[in-house]
Amino acid sequence: PSSMATPLDGIRAMAGEGSRVDFADGSDIAAAAKKAAAADVAVVFVGATSQEGRDRKSLSLDDGGVASGQTALVEAVSKACGGRVVVVVSAPGAVLLPWSRQVAAILTNFLLGQQVGPAIADVLFGRVNPSGKLPLTFPNVENETEFSLDQYPGAPDPRKPFYVFHSERLLVGYRFYDARKLGFSTGFPFGHGLSYTTFAYGNLSVSAMADGGVLVAFSVLNS
């Protein structure tokens, strides 16, 4: 039979006896911040939902999120515990993270399964290395790529009923950021992802090849 394990279940099981795991549901931000201030580390869970026929109105966690005041909650908890906070983001896609530089780490797990509790606990406690990379861009602000209504499903031409012009051309997603040379102050680029592993690079060599190409070689130490 199927069963559900919540993140709280997973964290308490992983922490084991002798460890204290306090919980606040986040509805009282001041109470949550007070608990966080007394903790060695705080873990804040935030999320957003959407479904076919009912999309989110914006990328803000406070607009279509699973609860109201999520941005204020993260900021208050982070301030109370001096940044010793890990934020777990459960969302169907990109969301805005205005507090991202105020927290120690962000774990994005996108859509959850029934055994999400042990899965998240495994990563938080270091039993599993979080080696995934973002499959999309988390922007700094809303509509950073300057998307317009003409770009979906495309601007029609009444003289050519089977022709649709996409004015964004190839500047979609990370290509827009590359072309405009946009950096990331609160968001994260496509392909971003850190892990518990550290890498060292050395022994770089560059040599010419007979066909006119260039061979670049180096050593990678994974520790």
N, C-alpha and C. Protein backbone atom coordinates (compact mmCIF):
# COMPACT_ATOMS: atom_id res chain seq x y z
N PRO A 1 0.83 -1.21 0.00
CA PRO A 1 0.00 0.00 0.00
C PRO A 1 0.86 1.25 0.00
N SER A 2 0.35 2.30 -0.59
CA SER A 2 1.09 3.55 -0.64
C SER A 2 1.06 4.24 0.71
N SER A 3 2.06 5.09 0.95
CA SER A 3 2.13 5.83 2.20
C SER A 3 2.77 7.18 1.94
N MET A 4 2.48 8.12 2.81
CA MET A 4 3.01 9.47 2.68
C MET A 4 3.96 9.75 3.83
N ALA A 5 5.13 10.29 3.50
CA ALA A 5 6.09 10.70 4.51
C ALA A 5 6.40 12.18 4.30
N THR A 6 6.07 13.00 5.26
CA THR A 6 6.28 14.44 5.14
C THR A 6 7.74 14.79 5.40
N PRO A 7 8.18 15.98 4.99
CA PRO A 7 9.54 16.40 5.31
C PRO A 7 9.81 16.41 6.81
N LEU A 8 8.82 16.79 7.61
CA LEU A 8 9.00 16.78 9.06
C LEU A 8 9.26 15.36 9.55
N ASP A 9 8.52 14.38 9.02
CA ASP A 9 8.76 12.99 9.37
C ASP A 9 10.19 12.58 9.01
N GLY A 10 10.60 12.94 7.80
CA GLY A 10 11.93 12.55 7.34
C GLY A 10 13.05 13.18 8.15
N ILE A 11 12.90 14.45 8.47
CA ILE A 11 13.95 15.15 9.23
C ILE A 11 14.05 14.60 10.64
N ARG A 12 12.92 14.37 11.28
CA ARG A 12 12.94 13.83 12.64
C ARG A 12 13.53 12.43 12.67
N ALA A 13 13.20 11.62 11.68
CA ALA A 13 13.75 10.27 11.63
C ALA A 13 15.26 10.30 11.40
N MET A 14 15.71 11.19 10.54
CA MET A 14 17.13 11.28 10.23
C MET A 14 17.91 11.88 11.40
N ALA A 15 17.34 12.85 12.09
CA ALA A 15 18.03 13.48 13.22
C ALA A 15 18.23 12.49 14.36
N GLY A 16 17.26 11.62 14.56
CA GLY A 16 17.41 10.58 15.56
C GLY A 16 17.16 11.05 16.98
N GLU A 17 17.25 10.10 17.89
CA GLU A 17 17.03 10.41 19.30
C GLU A 17 18.15 11.30 19.83
N GLY A 18 17.78 12.15 20.74
CA GLY A 18 18.76 13.07 21.30
C GLY A 18 18.82 14.39 20.57
N SER A 19 18.13 14.46 19.43
CA SER A 19 18.07 15.72 18.68
C SER A 19 16.70 16.35 18.86
N ARG A 20 16.64 17.64 18.87
CA ARG A 20 15.38 18.35 19.02
C ARG A 20 15.01 19.02 17.71
N VAL A 21 13.85 18.69 17.21
CA VAL A 21 13.34 19.28 15.97
C VAL A 21 12.03 19.97 16.29
N ASP A 22 12.04 21.28 16.30
CA ASP A 22 10.83 22.07 16.54
C ASP A 22 10.15 22.39 15.22
N PHE A 23 8.85 22.63 15.27
CA PHE A 23 8.09 22.89 14.04
C PHE A 23 7.16 24.08 14.24
N ALA A 24 7.08 24.92 13.23
CA ALA A 24 6.10 26.01 13.16
C ALA A 24 5.52 25.98 11.75
N ASP A 25 4.22 26.13 11.63
CA ASP A 25 3.60 26.02 10.30
C ASP A 25 3.73 27.29 9.47
N GLY A 26 4.31 28.35 10.04
CA GLY A 26 4.57 29.56 9.26
C GLY A 26 3.44 30.55 9.23
N SER A 27 2.29 30.19 9.77
CA SER A 27 1.16 31.12 9.75
C SER A 27 1.41 32.31 10.67
N ASP A 28 2.19 32.09 11.72
CA ASP A 28 2.60 33.16 12.63
C ASP A 28 4.09 33.41 12.39
N ILE A 29 4.41 34.43 11.60
CA ILE A 29 5.80 34.67 11.20
C ILE A 29 6.67 34.99 12.41
N ALA A 30 6.15 35.77 13.34
CA ALA A 30 6.94 36.13 14.52
C ALA A 30 7.27 34.89 15.35
N ALA A 31 6.33 33.98 15.49
CA ALA A 31 6.57 32.76 16.26
C ALA A 31 7.59 31.88 15.56
N ALA A 32 7.50 31.80 14.24
CA ALA A 32 8.47 31.00 13.49
C ALA A 32 9.87 31.58 13.62
N ALA A 33 9.98 32.91 13.55
CA ALA A 33 11.28 33.55 13.68
C ALA A 33 11.86 33.33 15.07
N LYS A 34 11.01 33.32 16.08
CA LYS A 34 11.47 33.11 17.45
C LYS A 34 12.04 31.70 17.61
N LYS A 35 11.37 30.71 17.05
CA LYS A 35 11.88 29.34 17.10
C LYS A 35 13.21 29.24 16.35
N ALA A 36 13.30 29.91 15.21
CA ALA A 36 14.52 29.86 14.41
C ALA A 36 15.70 30.47 15.15
N ALA A 37 15.45 31.54 15.89
CA ALA A 37 16.52 32.21 16.60
C ALA A 37 17.16 31.31 17.65
N ALA A 38 16.39 30.36 18.17
CA ALA A 38 16.90 29.46 19.21
C ALA A 38 17.48 28.17 18.63
N ALA A 39 17.44 28.02 17.33
CA ALA A 39 17.87 26.77 16.70
C ALA A 39 19.29 26.86 16.16
N ASP A 40 19.93 25.72 16.02
CA ASP A 40 21.24 25.68 15.38
C ASP A 40 21.13 26.00 13.90
N VAL A 41 20.06 25.53 13.28
CA VAL A 41 19.81 25.81 11.87
C VAL A 41 18.31 25.74 11.64
N ALA A 42 17.83 26.56 10.73
CA ALA A 42 16.40 26.56 10.40
C ALA A 42 16.22 26.05 8.98
N VAL A 43 15.14 25.32 8.75
CA VAL A 43 14.77 24.86 7.42
C VAL A 43 13.37 25.40 7.13
N VAL A 44 13.26 26.20 6.08
CA VAL A 44 11.97 26.80 5.72
C VAL A 44 11.50 26.18 4.41
N PHE A 45 10.27 25.72 4.40
CA PHE A 45 9.68 25.14 3.19
C PHE A 45 8.71 26.14 2.57
N VAL A 46 8.92 26.43 1.29
CA VAL A 46 8.03 27.32 0.56
C VAL A 46 7.63 26.63 -0.73
N GLY A 47 6.57 27.13 -1.36
CA GLY A 47 6.15 26.46 -2.59
C GLY A 47 5.11 27.24 -3.35
N ALA A 48 4.87 26.79 -4.57
CA ALA A 48 3.86 27.36 -5.44
C ALA A 48 3.20 26.22 -6.19
N THR A 49 1.97 26.46 -6.63
CA THR A 49 1.24 25.44 -7.36
C THR A 49 0.65 26.02 -8.64
N SER A 50 0.39 25.15 -9.58
CA SER A 50 -0.34 25.52 -10.79
C SER A 50 -0.89 24.23 -11.38
N GLN A 51 -1.80 24.37 -12.31
CA GLN A 51 -2.37 23.19 -12.94
C GLN A 51 -2.94 23.59 -14.29
N GLU A 52 -3.30 22.61 -15.09
CA GLU A 52 -3.86 22.92 -16.39
C GLU A 52 -5.17 23.68 -16.19
N GLY A 53 -5.27 24.81 -16.86
CA GLY A 53 -6.46 25.63 -16.74
C GLY A 53 -6.39 26.67 -15.63
N ARG A 54 -5.35 26.60 -14.79
CA ARG A 54 -5.20 27.60 -13.73
C ARG A 54 -3.71 27.80 -13.46
N ASP A 55 -3.15 28.73 -14.17
CA ASP A 55 -1.72 29.00 -14.03
C ASP A 55 -1.51 30.04 -12.94
N ARG A 56 -0.27 30.27 -12.59
CA ARG A 56 0.06 31.30 -11.61
C ARG A 56 -0.05 32.69 -12.25
N LYS A 57 -0.43 33.68 -11.44
CA LYS A 57 -0.54 35.04 -11.95
C LYS A 57 0.82 35.70 -12.11
N SER A 58 1.80 35.24 -11.34
CA SER A 58 3.15 35.78 -11.43
C SER A 58 4.11 34.73 -10.90
N LEU A 59 5.39 35.06 -10.87
CA LEU A 59 6.40 34.14 -10.37
C LEU A 59 6.66 34.33 -8.87
N SER A 60 5.94 35.23 -8.24
CA SER A 60 6.12 35.45 -6.80
C SER A 60 5.53 34.30 -6.01
N LEU A 61 6.22 33.92 -4.94
CA LEU A 61 5.71 32.90 -4.04
C LEU A 61 4.47 33.38 -3.29
N ASP A 62 4.24 34.68 -3.29
CA ASP A 62 3.08 35.24 -2.62
C ASP A 62 1.90 35.42 -3.56
N ASP A 63 2.03 34.94 -4.78
CA ASP A 63 0.97 35.08 -5.79
C ASP A 63 0.76 33.71 -6.43
N GLY A 64 -0.07 32.91 -5.82
CA GLY A 64 -0.27 31.55 -6.30
C GLY A 64 0.55 30.54 -5.53
N GLY A 65 1.11 30.98 -4.41
CA GLY A 65 1.88 30.06 -3.58
C GLY A 65 0.98 29.19 -2.73
N VAL A 66 1.58 28.26 -2.00
CA VAL A 66 0.80 27.35 -1.16
C VAL A 66 0.33 28.03 0.12
N ALA A 67 0.91 29.19 0.45
CA ALA A 67 0.51 29.96 1.62
C ALA A 67 0.88 31.41 1.38
N SER A 68 0.24 32.31 2.10
CA SER A 68 0.53 33.73 1.96
C SER A 68 1.70 34.12 2.85
N GLY A 69 2.39 35.18 2.46
CA GLY A 69 3.47 35.69 3.29
C GLY A 69 4.73 34.86 3.29
N GLN A 70 4.96 34.09 2.24
CA GLN A 70 6.14 33.21 2.23
C GLN A 70 7.45 34.01 2.13
N THR A 71 7.44 35.06 1.35
CA THR A 71 8.65 35.89 1.22
C THR A 71 9.00 36.53 2.57
N ALA A 72 8.00 37.09 3.23
CA ALA A 72 8.23 37.69 4.55
C ALA A 72 8.69 36.66 5.56
N LEU A 73 8.17 35.45 5.46
CA LEU A 73 8.56 34.38 6.38
C LEU A 73 10.04 34.05 6.24
N VAL A 74 10.51 33.87 5.02
CA VAL A 74 11.92 33.54 4.80
C VAL A 74 12.81 34.67 5.30
N GLU A 75 12.45 35.90 4.98
CA GLU A 75 13.27 37.04 5.39
C GLU A 75 13.32 37.18 6.91
N ALA A 76 12.19 36.96 7.59
CA ALA A 76 12.15 37.08 9.04
C ALA A 76 12.95 35.98 9.72
N VAL A 77 12.82 34.76 9.22
CA VAL A 77 13.56 33.64 9.80
C VAL A 77 15.06 33.81 9.58
N SER A 78 15.44 34.23 8.39
CA SER A 78 16.85 34.43 8.10
C SER A 78 17.46 35.50 9.00
N LYS A 79 16.73 36.57 9.19
CA LYS A 79 17.22 37.65 10.06
C LYS A 79 17.34 37.18 11.50
N ALA A 80 16.38 36.38 11.94
CA ALA A 80 16.37 35.93 13.33
C ALA A 80 17.51 34.98 13.65
N CYS A 81 17.88 34.14 12.69
CA CYS A 81 18.91 33.14 12.96
C CYS A 81 20.24 33.47 12.30
N GLY A 82 20.40 34.70 11.88
CA GLY A 82 21.68 35.12 11.31
C GLY A 82 22.05 34.43 10.01
N GLY A 83 21.05 34.11 9.22
CA GLY A 83 21.33 33.47 7.93
C GLY A 83 21.52 31.98 7.98
N ARG A 84 21.40 31.36 9.16
CA ARG A 84 21.58 29.91 9.28
C ARG A 84 20.28 29.21 8.88
N VAL A 85 19.93 29.35 7.63
CA VAL A 85 18.66 28.81 7.17
C VAL A 85 18.82 28.19 5.79
N VAL A 86 18.18 27.05 5.62
CA VAL A 86 18.09 26.38 4.33
C VAL A 86 16.65 26.49 3.87
N VAL A 87 16.44 26.94 2.65
CA VAL A 87 15.08 27.07 2.12
C VAL A 87 14.85 25.97 1.09
N VAL A 88 13.79 25.22 1.28
CA VAL A 88 13.41 24.16 0.35
C VAL A 88 12.26 24.68 -0.50
N VAL A 89 12.47 24.73 -1.81
CA VAL A 89 11.48 25.30 -2.73
C VAL A 89 10.81 24.18 -3.52
N SER A 90 9.51 24.06 -3.37
CA SER A 90 8.73 23.09 -4.12
C SER A 90 7.81 23.86 -5.07
N ALA A 91 8.08 23.79 -6.35
CA ALA A 91 7.33 24.59 -7.31
C ALA A 91 7.30 23.90 -8.66
N PRO A 92 6.30 24.19 -9.49
CA PRO A 92 6.21 23.57 -10.81
C PRO A 92 7.15 24.19 -11.84
N GLY A 93 7.78 25.29 -11.47
CA GLY A 93 8.68 25.98 -12.40
C GLY A 93 9.45 27.05 -11.67
N ALA A 94 9.86 28.06 -12.40
CA ALA A 94 10.66 29.13 -11.81
C ALA A 94 9.83 29.97 -10.86
N VAL A 95 10.47 30.47 -9.82
CA VAL A 95 9.87 31.40 -8.88
C VAL A 95 10.89 32.50 -8.58
N LEU A 96 10.40 33.62 -8.05
CA LEU A 96 11.30 34.70 -7.66
C LEU A 96 11.84 34.43 -6.26
N LEU A 97 13.14 34.68 -6.08
CA LEU A 97 13.81 34.42 -4.80
C LEU A 97 14.51 35.70 -4.33
N PRO A 98 13.78 36.73 -3.96
CA PRO A 98 14.41 38.00 -3.58
C PRO A 98 15.30 37.89 -2.36
N TRP A 99 15.16 36.85 -1.57
CA TRP A 99 15.93 36.64 -0.34
C TRP A 99 17.09 35.66 -0.54
N SER A 100 17.38 35.28 -1.76
CA SER A 100 18.33 34.18 -2.01
C SER A 100 19.71 34.42 -1.43
N ARG A 101 20.16 35.67 -1.42
CA ARG A 101 21.50 35.97 -0.89
C ARG A 101 21.48 36.17 0.63
N GLN A 102 20.35 35.99 1.25
CA GLN A 102 20.24 36.14 2.70
C GLN A 102 20.20 34.80 3.41
N VAL A 103 20.23 33.70 2.67
CA VAL A 103 20.14 32.38 3.28
C VAL A 103 21.38 31.56 2.95
N ALA A 104 21.59 30.51 3.72
CA ALA A 104 22.79 29.69 3.53
C ALA A 104 22.71 28.78 2.32
N ALA A 105 21.52 28.29 2.03
CA ALA A 105 21.38 27.35 0.90
C ALA A 105 19.92 27.29 0.46
N ILE A 106 19.74 26.91 -0.80
CA ILE A 106 18.40 26.71 -1.35
C ILE A 106 18.38 25.34 -2.01
N LEU A 107 17.40 24.53 -1.64
CA LEU A 107 17.21 23.22 -2.25
C LEU A 107 15.91 23.24 -3.03
N THR A 108 16.00 23.05 -4.33
CA THR A 108 14.81 23.06 -5.19
C THR A 108 14.48 21.63 -5.59
N ASN A 109 13.29 21.18 -5.22
CA ASN A 109 12.91 19.81 -5.56
C ASN A 109 11.73 19.74 -6.52
N PHE A 110 11.27 20.90 -6.98
CA PHE A 110 10.18 20.97 -7.96
C PHE A 110 8.95 20.20 -7.47
N LEU A 111 8.48 19.20 -8.20
CA LEU A 111 7.23 18.53 -7.83
C LEU A 111 7.52 17.33 -6.92
N LEU A 112 6.69 17.18 -5.91
CA LEU A 112 6.96 16.22 -4.85
C LEU A 112 6.30 14.87 -5.11
N GLY A 113 6.83 13.86 -4.43
CA GLY A 113 6.25 12.53 -4.44
C GLY A 113 5.84 12.15 -3.03
N GLN A 114 5.27 10.96 -2.88
CA GLN A 114 4.76 10.54 -1.58
C GLN A 114 5.87 10.36 -0.54
N GLN A 115 7.07 10.04 -0.97
CA GLN A 115 8.18 9.83 -0.05
C GLN A 115 9.14 11.01 -0.08
N VAL A 116 8.58 12.19 -0.22
CA VAL A 116 9.40 13.39 -0.27
C VAL A 116 10.15 13.61 1.04
N GLY A 117 9.57 13.18 2.16
CA GLY A 117 10.22 13.39 3.45
C GLY A 117 11.60 12.78 3.56
N PRO A 118 11.74 11.47 3.38
CA PRO A 118 13.07 10.85 3.43
C PRO A 118 14.00 11.37 2.33
N ALA A 119 13.44 11.69 1.17
CA ALA A 119 14.28 12.17 0.07
C ALA A 119 14.94 13.50 0.42
N ILE A 120 14.15 14.43 0.96
CA ILE A 120 14.71 15.73 1.35
C ILE A 120 15.67 15.57 2.52
N ALA A 121 15.31 14.74 3.48
CA ALA A 121 16.19 14.53 4.63
C ALA A 121 17.53 13.94 4.20
N ASP A 122 17.53 13.04 3.25
CA ASP A 122 18.78 12.46 2.76
C ASP A 122 19.72 13.54 2.23
N VAL A 123 19.16 14.52 1.52
CA VAL A 123 19.99 15.60 0.98
C VAL A 123 20.42 16.55 2.08
N LEU A 124 19.50 16.94 2.95
CA LEU A 124 19.82 17.89 4.01
C LEU A 124 20.89 17.37 4.96
N PHE A 125 20.87 16.08 5.22
CA PHE A 125 21.82 15.50 6.16
C PHE A 125 23.07 14.93 5.48
N GLY A 126 23.16 15.09 4.16
CA GLY A 126 24.38 14.71 3.45
C GLY A 126 24.49 13.26 3.07
N ARG A 127 23.42 12.50 3.18
CA ARG A 127 23.49 11.09 2.77
C ARG A 127 23.46 10.97 1.24
N VAL A 128 22.85 11.95 0.59
CA VAL A 128 22.78 11.98 -0.87
C VAL A 128 23.32 13.31 -1.34
N ASN A 129 24.17 13.29 -2.34
CA ASN A 129 24.75 14.52 -2.88
C ASN A 129 23.75 15.20 -3.82
N PRO A 130 23.42 16.47 -3.59
CA PRO A 130 22.49 17.18 -4.48
C PRO A 130 23.18 17.57 -5.78
N SER A 131 23.23 16.67 -6.72
CA SER A 131 24.02 16.88 -7.93
C SER A 131 23.20 17.37 -9.12
N GLY A 132 21.90 17.65 -8.92
CA GLY A 132 21.08 18.10 -10.02
C GLY A 132 21.38 19.53 -10.43
N LYS A 133 21.03 19.89 -11.64
CA LYS A 133 21.22 21.24 -12.17
C LYS A 133 19.87 21.81 -12.60
N LEU A 134 19.75 23.12 -12.54
CA LEU A 134 18.49 23.75 -12.91
C LEU A 134 18.19 23.53 -14.39
N PRO A 135 17.00 23.03 -14.73
CA PRO A 135 16.63 22.84 -16.13
C PRO A 135 16.00 24.08 -16.75
N LEU A 136 15.98 25.18 -15.99
CA LEU A 136 15.42 26.43 -16.47
C LEU A 136 16.04 27.58 -15.68
N THR A 137 15.75 28.79 -16.09
CA THR A 137 16.31 29.98 -15.45
C THR A 137 15.37 30.49 -14.37
N PHE A 138 15.91 30.82 -13.20
CA PHE A 138 15.17 31.52 -12.16
C PHE A 138 15.52 33.01 -12.28
N PRO A 139 14.61 33.85 -12.76
CA PRO A 139 14.95 35.24 -13.04
C PRO A 139 15.11 36.08 -11.77
N ASN A 140 15.70 37.25 -11.95
CA ASN A 140 15.84 38.18 -10.84
C ASN A 140 14.53 38.89 -10.53
N VAL A 141 13.80 39.24 -11.58
CA VAL A 141 12.54 39.97 -11.43
C VAL A 141 11.52 39.40 -12.41
N GLU A 142 10.29 39.82 -12.23
CA GLU A 142 9.21 39.38 -13.10
C GLU A 142 9.44 39.83 -14.54
N ASN A 143 9.18 38.94 -15.48
CA ASN A 143 9.28 39.22 -16.92
C ASN A 143 10.61 39.86 -17.31
N GLU A 144 11.68 39.32 -16.82
CA GLU A 144 13.00 39.87 -17.11
C GLU A 144 13.38 39.70 -18.58
N THR A 145 12.77 38.74 -19.25
CA THR A 145 13.07 38.52 -20.66
C THR A 145 12.16 39.33 -21.59
N GLU A 146 11.38 40.24 -21.00
CA GLU A 146 10.56 41.19 -21.76
C GLU A 146 9.57 40.48 -22.70
N PHE A 147 8.96 39.46 -22.18
CA PHE A 147 7.97 38.70 -22.94
C PHE A 147 6.71 39.54 -23.15
N SER A 148 6.13 39.47 -24.34
CA SER A 148 4.92 40.23 -24.65
C SER A 148 3.84 39.28 -25.16
N LEU A 149 2.60 39.77 -25.18
CA LEU A 149 1.48 38.94 -25.63
C LEU A 149 1.63 38.53 -27.09
N ASP A 150 2.36 39.32 -27.87
CA ASP A 150 2.55 38.99 -29.28
C ASP A 150 3.41 37.75 -29.47
N GLN A 151 4.14 37.39 -28.44
CA GLN A 151 5.09 36.28 -28.58
C GLN A 151 4.47 34.92 -28.28
N TYR A 152 3.22 34.90 -27.88
CA TYR A 152 2.55 33.61 -27.71
C TYR A 152 1.10 33.75 -28.11
N PRO A 153 0.66 32.98 -29.05
CA PRO A 153 1.41 31.94 -29.78
C PRO A 153 2.20 32.46 -30.97
N GLY A 154 2.38 33.77 -31.04
CA GLY A 154 3.10 34.37 -32.15
C GLY A 154 2.23 35.41 -32.84
N ALA A 155 2.86 36.37 -33.45
CA ALA A 155 2.10 37.44 -34.11
C ALA A 155 1.63 36.96 -35.48
N PRO A 156 0.31 36.88 -35.71
CA PRO A 156 -0.19 36.38 -37.01
C PRO A 156 -0.09 37.43 -38.10
N ASP A 157 -0.05 36.97 -39.30
CA ASP A 157 -0.07 37.84 -40.47
C ASP A 157 -1.31 37.45 -41.28
N PRO A 158 -2.35 38.32 -41.33
CA PRO A 158 -3.59 37.96 -42.03
C PRO A 158 -3.39 37.65 -43.50
N ARG A 159 -2.29 38.14 -44.07
CA ARG A 159 -2.02 37.85 -45.47
C ARG A 159 -1.42 36.46 -45.65
N LYS A 160 -0.90 35.91 -44.53
CA LYS A 160 -0.30 34.58 -44.57
C LYS A 160 -0.85 33.77 -43.39
N PRO A 161 -2.02 33.18 -43.54
CA PRO A 161 -2.69 32.52 -42.41
C PRO A 161 -1.91 31.37 -41.80
N PHE A 162 -0.98 30.79 -42.53
CA PHE A 162 -0.21 29.67 -42.00
C PHE A 162 1.20 30.10 -41.58
N TYR A 163 1.39 31.42 -41.48
CA TYR A 163 2.70 31.95 -41.12
C TYR A 163 2.59 32.68 -39.79
N VAL A 164 3.47 32.38 -38.86
CA VAL A 164 3.50 33.05 -37.56
C VAL A 164 4.91 33.55 -37.32
N PHE A 165 5.01 34.81 -36.96
CA PHE A 165 6.32 35.40 -36.70
C PHE A 165 6.56 35.51 -35.20
N HIS A 166 7.64 34.95 -34.73
CA HIS A 166 8.01 35.03 -33.33
C HIS A 166 9.09 36.11 -33.18
N SER A 167 8.69 37.24 -32.63
CA SER A 167 9.59 38.39 -32.58
C SER A 167 10.78 38.18 -31.65
N GLU A 168 10.67 37.24 -30.73
CA GLU A 168 11.81 36.98 -29.83
C GLU A 168 12.92 36.20 -30.53
N ARG A 169 12.61 35.67 -31.71
CA ARG A 169 13.56 34.87 -32.49
C ARG A 169 14.17 33.78 -31.61
N LEU A 170 15.47 33.74 -31.44
CA LEU A 170 16.09 32.69 -30.63
C LEU A 170 16.40 33.15 -29.20
N LEU A 171 16.00 34.39 -28.87
CA LEU A 171 16.34 34.92 -27.54
C LEU A 171 15.33 34.43 -26.50
N VAL A 172 15.37 33.14 -26.24
CA VAL A 172 14.48 32.50 -25.28
C VAL A 172 15.32 31.95 -24.13
N GLY A 173 14.85 32.18 -22.91
CA GLY A 173 15.55 31.62 -21.75
C GLY A 173 16.96 32.15 -21.62
N TYR A 174 17.90 31.23 -21.43
CA TYR A 174 19.29 31.63 -21.17
C TYR A 174 19.90 32.39 -22.34
N ARG A 175 19.40 32.19 -23.55
CA ARG A 175 19.94 32.92 -24.70
C ARG A 175 19.69 34.43 -24.56
N PHE A 176 18.56 34.77 -23.98
CA PHE A 176 18.26 36.19 -23.75
C PHE A 176 19.26 36.78 -22.77
N TYR A 177 19.56 36.05 -21.71
CA TYR A 177 20.51 36.54 -20.70
C TYR A 177 21.91 36.68 -21.29
N ASP A 178 22.29 35.71 -22.10
CA ASP A 178 23.61 35.78 -22.73
C ASP A 178 23.70 36.97 -23.68
N ALA A 179 22.66 37.17 -24.50
CA ALA A 179 22.68 38.25 -25.49
C ALA A 179 22.69 39.62 -24.83
N ARG A 180 21.96 39.76 -23.74
CA ARG A 180 21.88 41.05 -23.05
C ARG A 180 22.95 41.20 -21.97
N LYS A 181 23.74 40.15 -21.78
CA LYS A 181 24.79 40.15 -20.75
C LYS A 181 24.22 40.49 -19.37
N LEU A 182 23.12 39.83 -19.04
CA LEU A 182 22.47 40.04 -17.75
C LEU A 182 23.08 39.13 -16.69
N GLY A 183 23.36 39.68 -15.55
CA GLY A 183 23.87 38.89 -14.44
C GLY A 183 22.73 38.47 -13.51
N PHE A 184 23.09 37.81 -12.44
CA PHE A 184 22.08 37.32 -11.51
C PHE A 184 22.36 37.86 -10.11
N SER A 185 21.42 38.66 -9.61
CA SER A 185 21.55 39.23 -8.28
C SER A 185 20.76 38.45 -7.24
N THR A 186 19.61 37.93 -7.64
CA THR A 186 18.81 37.10 -6.75
C THR A 186 18.39 35.79 -7.39
N GLY A 187 18.39 35.75 -8.72
CA GLY A 187 18.01 34.53 -9.42
C GLY A 187 19.20 33.63 -9.71
N PHE A 188 18.96 32.60 -10.53
CA PHE A 188 20.01 31.64 -10.86
C PHE A 188 19.87 31.23 -12.32
N PRO A 189 20.99 31.03 -13.01
CA PRO A 189 20.93 30.71 -14.44
C PRO A 189 20.60 29.25 -14.72
N PHE A 190 20.17 29.02 -15.92
CA PHE A 190 19.98 27.66 -16.43
C PHE A 190 21.27 26.86 -16.22
N GLY A 191 21.14 25.66 -15.68
CA GLY A 191 22.30 24.81 -15.48
C GLY A 191 23.00 25.00 -14.14
N HIS A 192 22.54 25.96 -13.33
CA HIS A 192 23.18 26.19 -12.05
C HIS A 192 22.88 25.05 -11.09
N GLY A 193 23.84 24.73 -10.26
CA GLY A 193 23.63 23.71 -9.24
C GLY A 193 24.90 23.43 -8.49
N LEU A 194 24.85 23.50 -7.19
CA LEU A 194 26.00 23.21 -6.35
C LEU A 194 25.82 21.84 -5.69
N SER A 195 26.88 21.34 -5.12
CA SER A 195 26.82 20.05 -4.44
C SER A 195 27.76 20.08 -3.25
N TYR A 196 27.83 18.97 -2.53
CA TYR A 196 28.75 18.87 -1.39
C TYR A 196 30.17 18.57 -1.84
N THR A 197 30.34 18.33 -3.12
CA THR A 197 31.66 18.02 -3.66
C THR A 197 32.43 19.30 -3.99
N THR A 198 33.72 19.27 -3.77
CA THR A 198 34.58 20.37 -4.19
C THR A 198 35.48 19.88 -5.33
N PHE A 199 35.77 20.79 -6.23
CA PHE A 199 36.59 20.45 -7.40
C PHE A 199 37.83 21.32 -7.43
N ALA A 200 38.93 20.75 -7.87
CA ALA A 200 40.17 21.50 -8.08
C ALA A 200 40.66 21.19 -9.49
N TYR A 201 41.12 22.23 -10.19
CA TYR A 201 41.59 22.08 -11.56
C TYR A 201 43.08 22.41 -11.61
N GLY A 202 43.84 21.65 -12.39
CA GLY A 202 45.27 21.91 -12.51
C GLY A 202 45.87 21.28 -13.74
N ASN A 203 47.18 21.45 -13.88
CA ASN A 203 47.94 20.86 -15.00
C ASN A 203 47.36 21.25 -16.36
N LEU A 204 47.02 22.51 -16.51
CA LEU A 204 46.46 22.99 -17.77
C LEU A 204 47.52 23.00 -18.86
N SER A 205 47.14 22.48 -20.02
CA SER A 205 48.05 22.51 -21.18
C SER A 205 47.25 22.82 -22.43
N VAL A 206 47.86 23.60 -23.32
CA VAL A 206 47.24 23.96 -24.59
C VAL A 206 48.24 23.66 -25.70
N SER A 207 47.81 22.89 -26.67
CA SER A 207 48.72 22.52 -27.76
C SER A 207 48.01 22.58 -29.10
N ALA A 208 48.78 22.90 -30.14
CA ALA A 208 48.22 22.98 -31.50
C ALA A 208 48.10 21.58 -32.09
N MET A 209 47.06 21.38 -32.89
CA MET A 209 46.83 20.09 -33.54
C MET A 209 47.16 20.21 -35.03
N ALA A 210 47.41 19.09 -35.65
CA ALA A 210 47.81 19.07 -37.05
C ALA A 210 46.73 19.64 -37.97
N ASP A 211 45.47 19.49 -37.59
CA ASP A 211 44.39 19.98 -38.45
C ASP A 211 44.07 21.45 -38.22
N GLY A 212 44.89 22.12 -37.42
CA GLY A 212 44.68 23.53 -37.15
C GLY A 212 43.88 23.81 -35.90
N GLY A 213 43.37 22.78 -35.27
CA GLY A 213 42.62 22.96 -34.04
C GLY A 213 43.53 23.11 -32.84
N VAL A 214 42.93 23.27 -31.71
CA VAL A 214 43.67 23.44 -30.45
C VAL A 214 43.20 22.40 -29.45
N LEU A 215 44.14 21.73 -28.82
CA LEU A 215 43.82 20.74 -27.79
C LEU A 215 44.07 21.34 -26.42
N VAL A 216 43.04 21.35 -25.60
CA VAL A 216 43.13 21.85 -24.24
C VAL A 216 42.93 20.68 -23.29
N ALA A 217 43.85 20.52 -22.35
CA ALA A 217 43.76 19.41 -21.40
C ALA A 217 44.05 19.90 -20.00
N PHE A 218 43.42 19.30 -19.01
CA PHE A 218 43.66 19.64 -17.61
C PHE A 218 43.18 18.50 -16.72
N SER A 219 43.63 18.53 -15.49
CA SER A 219 43.26 17.51 -14.51
C SER A 219 42.16 18.05 -13.60
N VAL A 220 41.23 17.18 -13.21
CA VAL A 220 40.15 17.55 -12.31
C VAL A 220 40.23 16.66 -11.07
N LEU A 221 40.30 17.28 -9.91
CA LEU A 221 40.30 16.54 -8.64
C LEU A 221 38.93 16.69 -7.98
N ASN A 222 38.27 15.59 -7.80
CA ASN A 222 36.94 15.57 -7.18
C ASN A 222 37.09 15.06 -5.76
N SER A 223 36.83 15.93 -4.78
CA SER A 223 37.03 15.52 -3.39
C SER A 223 35.79 15.79 -2.55
